[in-house]
N, C-alpha and C. Protein backbone atom coordinates (compact mmCIF):
# COMPACT_ATOMS: atom_id res chain seq x y z
N MET A 1 -18.07 15.88 -28.56
CA MET A 1 -16.67 16.19 -28.74
C MET A 1 -15.83 15.16 -27.99
N ALA A 2 -14.78 14.67 -28.60
CA ALA A 2 -13.90 13.68 -27.99
C ALA A 2 -12.98 14.34 -26.98
N GLU A 3 -12.79 13.67 -25.87
CA GLU A 3 -11.88 14.19 -24.86
C GLU A 3 -10.45 13.82 -25.22
N ASN A 4 -9.52 14.65 -24.84
CA ASN A 4 -8.10 14.36 -25.06
C ASN A 4 -7.55 13.64 -23.84
N ILE A 5 -7.81 12.34 -23.79
CA ILE A 5 -7.31 11.52 -22.69
C ILE A 5 -6.16 10.69 -23.24
N PRO A 6 -4.98 10.77 -22.58
CA PRO A 6 -3.87 9.95 -23.06
C PRO A 6 -4.26 8.48 -23.07
N GLU A 7 -3.65 7.74 -23.98
CA GLU A 7 -3.93 6.32 -24.05
C GLU A 7 -3.70 5.68 -22.69
N GLY A 8 -4.69 4.96 -22.20
CA GLY A 8 -4.59 4.33 -20.89
C GLY A 8 -4.93 5.27 -19.75
N GLY A 9 -5.22 6.54 -20.06
CA GLY A 9 -5.52 7.53 -19.02
C GLY A 9 -6.72 7.16 -18.19
N GLY A 10 -7.79 6.70 -18.87
CA GLY A 10 -8.99 6.28 -18.15
C GLY A 10 -8.72 5.07 -17.27
N GLN A 11 -7.88 4.17 -17.76
CA GLN A 11 -7.53 2.98 -16.99
C GLN A 11 -6.73 3.38 -15.75
N MET A 12 -5.81 4.34 -15.89
CA MET A 12 -5.02 4.78 -14.74
C MET A 12 -5.91 5.41 -13.67
N GLU A 13 -6.93 6.18 -14.11
CA GLU A 13 -7.86 6.78 -13.18
C GLU A 13 -8.63 5.70 -12.42
N GLN A 14 -9.04 4.66 -13.14
CA GLN A 14 -9.77 3.55 -12.53
C GLN A 14 -8.88 2.83 -11.52
N VAL A 15 -7.63 2.59 -11.87
CA VAL A 15 -6.70 1.92 -10.96
C VAL A 15 -6.51 2.77 -9.71
N SER A 16 -6.36 4.08 -9.89
CA SER A 16 -6.19 4.97 -8.75
C SER A 16 -7.41 4.93 -7.83
N GLU A 17 -8.60 4.93 -8.43
CA GLU A 17 -9.82 4.86 -7.63
C GLU A 17 -9.91 3.53 -6.89
N GLU A 18 -9.57 2.45 -7.56
CA GLU A 18 -9.60 1.14 -6.92
C GLU A 18 -8.55 1.05 -5.82
N LEU A 19 -7.37 1.63 -6.06
CA LEU A 19 -6.32 1.64 -5.05
C LEU A 19 -6.78 2.40 -3.81
N THR A 20 -7.42 3.53 -4.03
CA THR A 20 -7.92 4.32 -2.90
C THR A 20 -8.94 3.53 -2.09
N LYS A 21 -9.86 2.85 -2.78
CA LYS A 21 -10.87 2.04 -2.08
C LYS A 21 -10.22 0.90 -1.31
N CYS A 22 -9.28 0.22 -1.95
CA CYS A 22 -8.59 -0.89 -1.28
C CYS A 22 -7.81 -0.39 -0.06
N ALA A 23 -7.14 0.74 -0.21
CA ALA A 23 -6.36 1.30 0.91
C ALA A 23 -7.27 1.64 2.08
N MET A 24 -8.45 2.17 1.79
CA MET A 24 -9.39 2.51 2.86
C MET A 24 -9.84 1.26 3.61
N VAL A 25 -10.10 0.18 2.89
CA VAL A 25 -10.52 -1.07 3.52
C VAL A 25 -9.39 -1.62 4.40
N ILE A 26 -8.17 -1.60 3.86
CA ILE A 26 -7.02 -2.10 4.63
C ILE A 26 -6.80 -1.26 5.88
N GLU A 27 -6.86 0.06 5.75
CA GLU A 27 -6.70 0.93 6.92
C GLU A 27 -7.75 0.64 7.98
N HIS A 28 -8.99 0.41 7.55
CA HIS A 28 -10.06 0.07 8.48
C HIS A 28 -9.76 -1.25 9.19
N ALA A 29 -9.29 -2.23 8.43
CA ALA A 29 -8.96 -3.53 9.02
C ALA A 29 -7.81 -3.40 10.03
N ILE A 30 -6.81 -2.61 9.68
CA ILE A 30 -5.68 -2.39 10.60
C ILE A 30 -6.18 -1.74 11.89
N ASP A 31 -6.98 -0.68 11.74
CA ASP A 31 -7.52 0.00 12.93
C ASP A 31 -8.31 -0.98 13.79
N HIS A 32 -9.13 -1.80 13.15
CA HIS A 32 -9.94 -2.78 13.89
C HIS A 32 -9.05 -3.76 14.66
N LEU A 33 -8.03 -4.30 14.00
CA LEU A 33 -7.14 -5.25 14.67
C LEU A 33 -6.39 -4.61 15.82
N LEU A 34 -5.94 -3.39 15.63
CA LEU A 34 -5.22 -2.70 16.71
C LEU A 34 -6.15 -2.37 17.88
N GLU A 35 -7.41 -2.01 17.57
CA GLU A 35 -8.38 -1.75 18.63
C GLU A 35 -8.67 -3.01 19.44
N GLU A 36 -8.52 -4.18 18.81
CA GLU A 36 -8.69 -5.45 19.52
C GLU A 36 -7.40 -5.87 20.24
N ASN A 37 -6.44 -4.96 20.29
CA ASN A 37 -5.16 -5.15 20.99
C ASN A 37 -4.26 -6.23 20.41
N HIS A 38 -4.38 -6.46 19.11
CA HIS A 38 -3.42 -7.34 18.45
C HIS A 38 -2.11 -6.57 18.32
N PRO A 39 -0.99 -7.22 18.56
CA PRO A 39 0.30 -6.51 18.48
C PRO A 39 0.55 -5.97 17.07
N PRO A 40 1.03 -4.73 16.95
CA PRO A 40 1.32 -4.16 15.63
C PRO A 40 2.21 -5.05 14.77
N LEU A 41 3.18 -5.72 15.39
CA LEU A 41 4.06 -6.60 14.61
C LEU A 41 3.29 -7.76 14.01
N ALA A 42 2.34 -8.31 14.75
CA ALA A 42 1.52 -9.41 14.23
C ALA A 42 0.65 -8.94 13.08
N VAL A 43 0.05 -7.76 13.23
CA VAL A 43 -0.81 -7.20 12.17
C VAL A 43 0.03 -6.94 10.92
N ALA A 44 1.17 -6.28 11.09
CA ALA A 44 2.02 -5.96 9.95
C ALA A 44 2.54 -7.23 9.27
N SER A 45 2.94 -8.21 10.07
CA SER A 45 3.45 -9.47 9.50
C SER A 45 2.37 -10.19 8.71
N ALA A 46 1.15 -10.20 9.23
CA ALA A 46 0.04 -10.85 8.53
C ALA A 46 -0.25 -10.13 7.21
N LEU A 47 -0.24 -8.81 7.25
CA LEU A 47 -0.48 -8.04 6.02
C LEU A 47 0.62 -8.27 4.99
N LEU A 48 1.86 -8.27 5.44
CA LEU A 48 2.98 -8.49 4.52
C LEU A 48 2.92 -9.90 3.93
N GLY A 49 2.65 -10.88 4.78
CA GLY A 49 2.55 -12.26 4.30
C GLY A 49 1.42 -12.42 3.30
N GLY A 50 0.28 -11.82 3.59
CA GLY A 50 -0.85 -11.88 2.66
C GLY A 50 -0.54 -11.18 1.35
N SER A 51 0.14 -10.05 1.45
CA SER A 51 0.52 -9.30 0.25
C SER A 51 1.47 -10.11 -0.62
N LEU A 52 2.46 -10.72 0.00
CA LEU A 52 3.41 -11.53 -0.75
C LEU A 52 2.72 -12.73 -1.39
N GLY A 53 1.77 -13.33 -0.68
CA GLY A 53 1.02 -14.44 -1.23
C GLY A 53 0.22 -14.03 -2.46
N LEU A 54 -0.43 -12.86 -2.39
CA LEU A 54 -1.19 -12.36 -3.53
C LEU A 54 -0.27 -12.05 -4.70
N LEU A 55 0.86 -11.40 -4.41
CA LEU A 55 1.81 -11.10 -5.48
C LEU A 55 2.31 -12.37 -6.15
N SER A 56 2.60 -13.39 -5.35
CA SER A 56 3.14 -14.63 -5.92
C SER A 56 2.11 -15.35 -6.80
N ARG A 57 0.83 -15.12 -6.54
CA ARG A 57 -0.21 -15.74 -7.37
C ARG A 57 -0.50 -14.95 -8.64
N THR A 58 -0.05 -13.68 -8.68
CA THR A 58 -0.45 -12.83 -9.80
C THR A 58 0.71 -12.24 -10.60
N MET A 59 1.94 -12.40 -10.12
CA MET A 59 3.09 -11.78 -10.79
C MET A 59 4.27 -12.72 -10.83
N ASP A 60 5.18 -12.41 -11.73
CA ASP A 60 6.41 -13.20 -11.81
C ASP A 60 7.41 -12.75 -10.74
N ARG A 61 8.40 -13.57 -10.49
CA ARG A 61 9.38 -13.34 -9.44
C ARG A 61 10.12 -12.01 -9.61
N GLU A 62 10.52 -11.67 -10.84
CA GLU A 62 11.27 -10.44 -11.06
C GLU A 62 10.45 -9.19 -10.74
N THR A 63 9.17 -9.22 -11.08
CA THR A 63 8.30 -8.09 -10.76
C THR A 63 8.17 -7.94 -9.25
N ILE A 64 7.99 -9.07 -8.55
CA ILE A 64 7.91 -9.02 -7.09
C ILE A 64 9.19 -8.46 -6.49
N LEU A 65 10.32 -8.89 -7.01
CA LEU A 65 11.60 -8.39 -6.50
C LEU A 65 11.76 -6.89 -6.74
N ARG A 66 11.27 -6.40 -7.87
CA ARG A 66 11.33 -4.95 -8.14
C ARG A 66 10.46 -4.19 -7.14
N ILE A 67 9.28 -4.72 -6.86
CA ILE A 67 8.38 -4.08 -5.89
C ILE A 67 9.04 -4.05 -4.51
N LEU A 68 9.61 -5.18 -4.10
CA LEU A 68 10.27 -5.24 -2.79
C LEU A 68 11.50 -4.34 -2.73
N ASP A 69 12.25 -4.28 -3.83
CA ASP A 69 13.42 -3.40 -3.87
C ASP A 69 12.99 -1.94 -3.74
N SER A 70 11.90 -1.58 -4.39
CA SER A 70 11.38 -0.23 -4.28
C SER A 70 11.01 0.09 -2.83
N ALA A 71 10.39 -0.89 -2.15
CA ALA A 71 10.02 -0.70 -0.75
C ALA A 71 11.27 -0.53 0.11
N VAL A 72 12.29 -1.34 -0.13
CA VAL A 72 13.55 -1.23 0.62
C VAL A 72 14.17 0.15 0.41
N GLN A 73 14.18 0.61 -0.83
CA GLN A 73 14.76 1.92 -1.13
C GLN A 73 13.99 3.04 -0.43
N SER A 74 12.67 2.91 -0.33
CA SER A 74 11.87 3.90 0.39
C SER A 74 12.24 3.95 1.87
N VAL A 75 12.45 2.78 2.46
CA VAL A 75 12.84 2.72 3.87
C VAL A 75 14.22 3.35 4.04
N ARG A 76 15.16 2.97 3.19
CA ARG A 76 16.53 3.52 3.28
C ARG A 76 16.55 5.03 3.09
N ALA A 77 15.68 5.54 2.24
CA ALA A 77 15.64 6.98 1.97
C ALA A 77 14.94 7.76 3.08
N GLY A 78 14.37 7.05 4.04
CA GLY A 78 13.71 7.71 5.16
C GLY A 78 12.29 8.15 4.85
N GLU A 79 11.72 7.68 3.74
CA GLU A 79 10.38 8.10 3.36
C GLU A 79 9.33 7.68 4.37
N LEU A 80 9.50 6.53 5.00
CA LEU A 80 8.53 6.09 5.99
C LEU A 80 8.63 6.92 7.27
N GLU A 81 9.82 7.38 7.59
CA GLU A 81 9.99 8.23 8.77
C GLU A 81 9.27 9.56 8.57
N VAL A 82 9.32 10.11 7.38
CA VAL A 82 8.62 11.36 7.08
C VAL A 82 7.12 11.14 7.20
N ALA A 83 6.61 10.05 6.65
CA ALA A 83 5.19 9.75 6.73
C ALA A 83 4.75 9.59 8.19
N GLU A 84 5.57 8.94 9.00
CA GLU A 84 5.25 8.75 10.41
C GLU A 84 5.20 10.09 11.14
N LYS A 85 6.15 10.98 10.86
CA LYS A 85 6.16 12.29 11.50
C LYS A 85 4.93 13.10 11.09
N GLU A 86 4.54 13.01 9.81
CA GLU A 86 3.35 13.73 9.34
C GLU A 86 2.10 13.16 10.00
N ARG A 87 2.04 11.83 10.16
CA ARG A 87 0.88 11.19 10.80
C ARG A 87 0.76 11.66 12.24
N LYS A 88 1.87 11.68 12.94
CA LYS A 88 1.85 12.10 14.35
C LYS A 88 1.48 13.57 14.47
N ALA A 89 1.99 14.40 13.56
CA ALA A 89 1.67 15.82 13.59
C ALA A 89 0.18 16.06 13.34
N GLY A 90 -0.42 15.26 12.47
CA GLY A 90 -1.83 15.39 12.15
C GLY A 90 -2.74 14.95 13.29
N SER A 91 -2.26 14.02 14.12
CA SER A 91 -3.10 13.53 15.21
C SER A 91 -2.89 14.31 16.51
N ALA A 92 -1.94 15.23 16.49
CA ALA A 92 -1.67 16.02 17.71
C ALA A 92 -2.61 17.18 17.87
């Protein structure tokens, strides 16, 4: 029997799984760098610079600007502050 999967549904599931795996690797790397007493600003700057470099090799300028605008809007909306409060509450 054929499954009723929306067009691209399987691909979205694969992307989500890959995103989860990538996020876990990045979180591990961040934890490792912080445990080695690298300053958080240096770690974050290196990650941002690397991310921008990857985006510039794989996407056009307008797409990158939309991604960055979305990130700016998240900061302005206070979404990162909520995530930080939840993280601190979970570790308490």
